C-alpha atoms as a PDB file:
ATOM      1  CA  MET A   1     -17.315-167.919-159.609  1.00  0.00           C
ATOM      2  CA  GLN A   2     -13.424-168.197-159.800  1.00  0.00           C
ATOM      3  CA  ILE A   3     -14.208-171.532-161.341  1.00  0.00           C
ATOM      4  CA  ALA A   4     -17.025-170.832-163.812  1.00  0.00           C
ATOM      5  CA  LEU A   5     -14.623-167.987-165.435  1.00  0.00           C
ATOM      6  CA  THR A   6     -12.023-170.408-166.134  1.00  0.00           C
ATOM      7  CA  TYR A   7     -14.353-172.129-168.353  1.00  0.00           C
ATOM      8  CA  PHE A   8     -14.063-169.169-170.963  1.00  0.00           C
ATOM      9  CA  HIS A   9     -11.049-169.911-173.497  1.00  0.00           C
ATOM     10  CA  GLY A  10      -8.403-167.508-172.712  1.00  0.00           C
ATOM     11  CA  ILE A  11      -9.106-167.032-168.924  1.00  0.00           C
ATOM     12  CA  GLY A  12      -7.636-168.816-166.729  1.00  0.00           C
ATOM     13  CA  HIS A  13      -6.915-169.496-162.701  1.00  0.00           C
ATOM     14  CA  ASN A  14      -4.514-166.320-162.217  1.00  0.00           C
ATOM     15  CA  THR A  15      -6.654-164.120-164.481  1.00  0.00           C
ATOM     16  CA  ALA A  16      -9.989-165.521-163.223  1.00  0.00           C
ATOM     17  CA  GLU A  17      -8.898-164.961-159.662  1.00  0.00           C
ATOM     18  CA  LYS A  18      -7.946-160.997-160.424  1.00  0.00           C
ATOM     19  CA  ILE A  19     -11.469-160.616-162.096  1.00  0.00           C
ATOM     20  CA  CYS A  20     -12.932-161.873-158.789  1.00  0.00           C
ATOM     21  CA  SER A  21     -10.590-160.019-156.401  1.00  0.00           C
ATOM     22  CA  LYS A  22     -11.225-156.569-158.576  1.00  0.00           C
ATOM     23  CA  PHE A  23     -14.659-157.243-157.769  1.00  0.00           C
ATOM     24  CA  SER A  24     -14.793-158.621-153.936  1.00  0.00           C
ATOM     25  CA  ILE A  25     -16.588-161.383-155.259  1.00  0.00           C
ATOM     26  CA  HIS A  26     -15.255-164.688-152.753  1.00  0.00           C
ATOM     27  CA  ARG A  27     -13.718-167.043-154.848  1.00  0.00           C
ATOM     28  CA  THR A  28     -16.752-169.990-153.722  1.00  0.00           C
ATOM     29  CA  CYS A  29     -19.250-167.529-153.976  1.00  0.00           C
ATOM     30  CA  LYS A  30     -21.844-169.357-156.803  1.00  0.00           C
ATOM     31  CA  LEU A  31     -23.479-167.246-159.806  1.00  0.00           C
ATOM     32  CA  PHE A  32     -26.860-167.536-158.502  1.00  0.00           C
ATOM     33  CA  GLU A  33     -25.490-165.531-154.942  1.00  0.00           C
ATOM     34  CA  LEU A  34     -24.688-162.753-157.090  1.00  0.00           C
ATOM     35  CA  SER A  35     -26.462-159.289-157.886  1.00  0.00           C
ATOM     36  CA  GLU A  36     -27.416-158.252-161.111  1.00  0.00           C
ATOM     37  CA  ASP A  37     -24.888-155.025-160.557  1.00  0.00           C
ATOM     38  CA  LYS A  38     -22.028-157.556-160.304  1.00  0.00           C
ATOM     39  CA  ILE A  39     -23.037-159.549-162.959  1.00  0.00           C
ATOM     40  CA  GLN A  40     -23.155-156.672-165.423  1.00  0.00           C
ATOM     41  CA  GLN A  41     -19.090-155.275-164.121  1.00  0.00           C
ATOM     42  CA  ILE A  42     -17.891-158.551-164.911  1.00  0.00           C
ATOM     43  CA  SER A  43     -19.985-158.947-168.112  1.00  0.00           C
ATOM     44  CA  LEU A  44     -18.470-155.537-169.258  1.00  0.00           C
ATOM     45  CA  GLU A  45     -14.990-156.362-168.030  1.00  0.00           C
ATOM     46  CA  LEU A  46     -15.301-159.985-169.843  1.00  0.00           C
ATOM     47  CA  SER A  47     -16.246-157.641-172.912  1.00  0.00           C
ATOM     48  CA  ASN A  48     -12.740-155.790-172.855  1.00  0.00           C
ATOM     49  CA  MET A  49     -10.892-159.264-172.706  1.00  0.00           C
ATOM     50  CA  LYS A  50     -10.291-161.360-175.707  1.00  0.00           C
ATOM     51  CA  ILE A  51     -11.682-164.427-175.253  1.00  0.00           C
ATOM     52  CA  GLU A  52     -13.114-167.250-176.797  1.00  0.00           C
ATOM     53  CA  SER A  53     -13.361-166.972-180.809  1.00  0.00           C
ATOM     54  CA  ASP A  54     -11.293-163.594-180.383  1.00  0.00           C
ATOM     55  CA  LEU A  55      -8.423-165.043-178.799  1.00  0.00           C
ATOM     56  CA  LYS A  56      -8.471-167.918-181.241  1.00  0.00           C
ATOM     57  CA  ARG A  57      -8.961-166.020-184.633  1.00  0.00           C
ATOM     58  CA  GLU A  58      -5.586-163.787-183.022  1.00  0.00           C
ATOM     59  CA  VAL A  59      -3.412-166.705-182.158  1.00  0.00           C
ATOM     60  CA  LYS A  60      -4.356-168.567-185.593  1.00  0.00           C
ATOM     61  CA  ASN A  61      -3.824-165.022-187.693  1.00  0.00           C
ATOM     62  CA  ASN A  62      -0.507-164.865-185.708  1.00  0.00           C
ATOM     63  CA  ILE A  63       0.346-168.147-186.985  1.00  0.00           C
ATOM     64  CA  LEU A  64      -0.755-167.821-190.251  1.00  0.00           C
ATOM     65  CA  HIS A  65       1.819-164.566-190.154  1.00  0.00           C
ATOM     66  CA  HIS A  66       4.910-166.329-189.103  1.00  0.00           C
ATOM     67  CA  ARG A  67       4.287-168.769-192.092  1.00  0.00           C
ATOM     68  CA  ALA A  68       3.836-166.191-194.482  1.00  0.00           C
ATOM     69  CA  ILE A  69       6.850-164.238-194.192  1.00  0.00           C
ATOM     70  CA  GLY A  70       8.948-168.203-193.679  1.00  0.00           C
ATOM     71  CA  THR A  71      10.105-167.230-190.069  1.00  0.00           C
ATOM     72  CA  TYR A  72      11.347-170.422-188.004  1.00  0.00           C
ATOM     73  CA  LYS A  73       8.442-170.577-186.123  1.00  0.00           C
ATOM     74  CA  GLY A  74       6.321-170.912-188.999  1.00  0.00           C
ATOM     75  CA  LYS A  75       8.347-173.445-190.773  1.00  0.00           C
ATOM     76  CA  ARG A  76       7.901-175.848-187.831  1.00  0.00           C
ATOM     77  CA  HIS A  77       4.394-174.878-187.226  1.00  0.00           C
ATOM     78  CA  ALA A  78       3.832-176.188-191.281  1.00  0.00           C
ATOM     79  CA  MET A  79       5.821-179.032-190.676  1.00  0.00           C
ATOM     80  CA  GLY A  80       4.451-179.975-187.656  1.00  0.00           C
ATOM     81  CA  TYR A  81       6.900-180.236-185.224  1.00  0.00           C
ATOM     82  CA  PRO A  82       7.807-178.083-181.986  1.00  0.00           C
ATOM     83  CA  VAL A  83       8.115-174.658-181.829  1.00  0.00           C
ATOM     84  CA  ARG A  84       9.656-173.798-178.862  1.00  0.00           C
ATOM     85  CA  GLY A  85      13.157-175.672-178.941  1.00  0.00           C
ATOM     86  CA  GLN A  86      11.657-178.782-177.574  1.00  0.00           C
ATOM     87  CA  LYS A  87      13.347-182.004-178.579  1.00  0.00           C
ATOM     88  CA  THR A  88      12.652-183.517-181.400  1.00  0.00           C
ATOM     89  CA  ARG A  89      14.568-187.257-181.029  1.00  0.00           C
ATOM     90  CA  THR A  90      11.643-189.021-178.884  1.00  0.00           C
ATOM     91  CA  ASN A  91       9.368-186.828-177.549  1.00  0.00           C
ATOM     92  CA  ALA A  92       7.945-184.740-180.274  1.00  0.00           C
ATOM     93  CA  ARG A  93       5.581-187.742-181.444  1.00  0.00           C
ATOM     94  CA  THR A  94       2.018-186.538-180.083  1.00  0.00           C
ATOM     95  CA  ALA A  95       3.276-183.159-180.923  1.00  0.00           C
ATOM     96  CA  ARG A  96       3.671-183.973-184.688  1.00  0.00           C
ATOM     97  CA  LYS A  97       0.409-185.940-184.272  1.00  0.00           C
ATOM     98  CA  LEU A  98      -1.520-183.909-182.619  1.00  0.00           C
ATOM     99  CA  ASN A  99      -0.144-180.793-184.987  1.00  0.00           C
ATOM    100  CA  GLY A 100      -0.196-182.343-187.830  1.00  0.00           C
ATOM    101  CA  ARG A 101      -4.218-182.848-187.273  1.00  0.00           C
ATOM    102  CA  TRP A 102      -4.378-178.971-186.315  1.00  0.00           C
ATOM    103  CA  LEU A 103      -2.174-178.162-189.656  1.00  0.00           C
ATOM    104  CA  LYS A 104      -4.962-179.790-191.682  1.00  0.00           C
ATOM    105  CA  LYS A 105      -7.486-177.224-190.685  1.00  0.00           C
ATOM    106  CA  PHE A 106      -5.489-174.550-192.060  1.00  0.00           C
ATOM    107  CA  GLU A 107      -3.928-175.678-195.253  1.00  0.00           C
ATOM    108  CA  TYR A 108      -4.796-173.422-198.441  1.00  0.00           C
ATOM    109  CA  SER A 109      -6.741-174.798-201.542  1.00  0.00           C
ATOM    110  CA  THR A 110      -5.605-174.267-204.607  1.00  0.00           C
END
């Protein structure tokens, strides 16, 4: 069950482990082995969390907000450079390539 929870965008191994321990579910338990009550509890817990499209929308809005107000992070996102202080002399090629592809989705059309 723990591995199945990590397939949701926004739930990692630590969060999945916390959810399983909260509802007393063994980490190797399969989904079909759970009772209907446990499944309802897990789905209620997941509905209270920001996962999948809600999380992606929030991250996108945060980046667009930084770009709009002109912060350093926003400028780095706009140029496609690493944002969190990484070196750019040699190791930013992959980041520039991937961020450039990502930025094309969110460019403003005039």
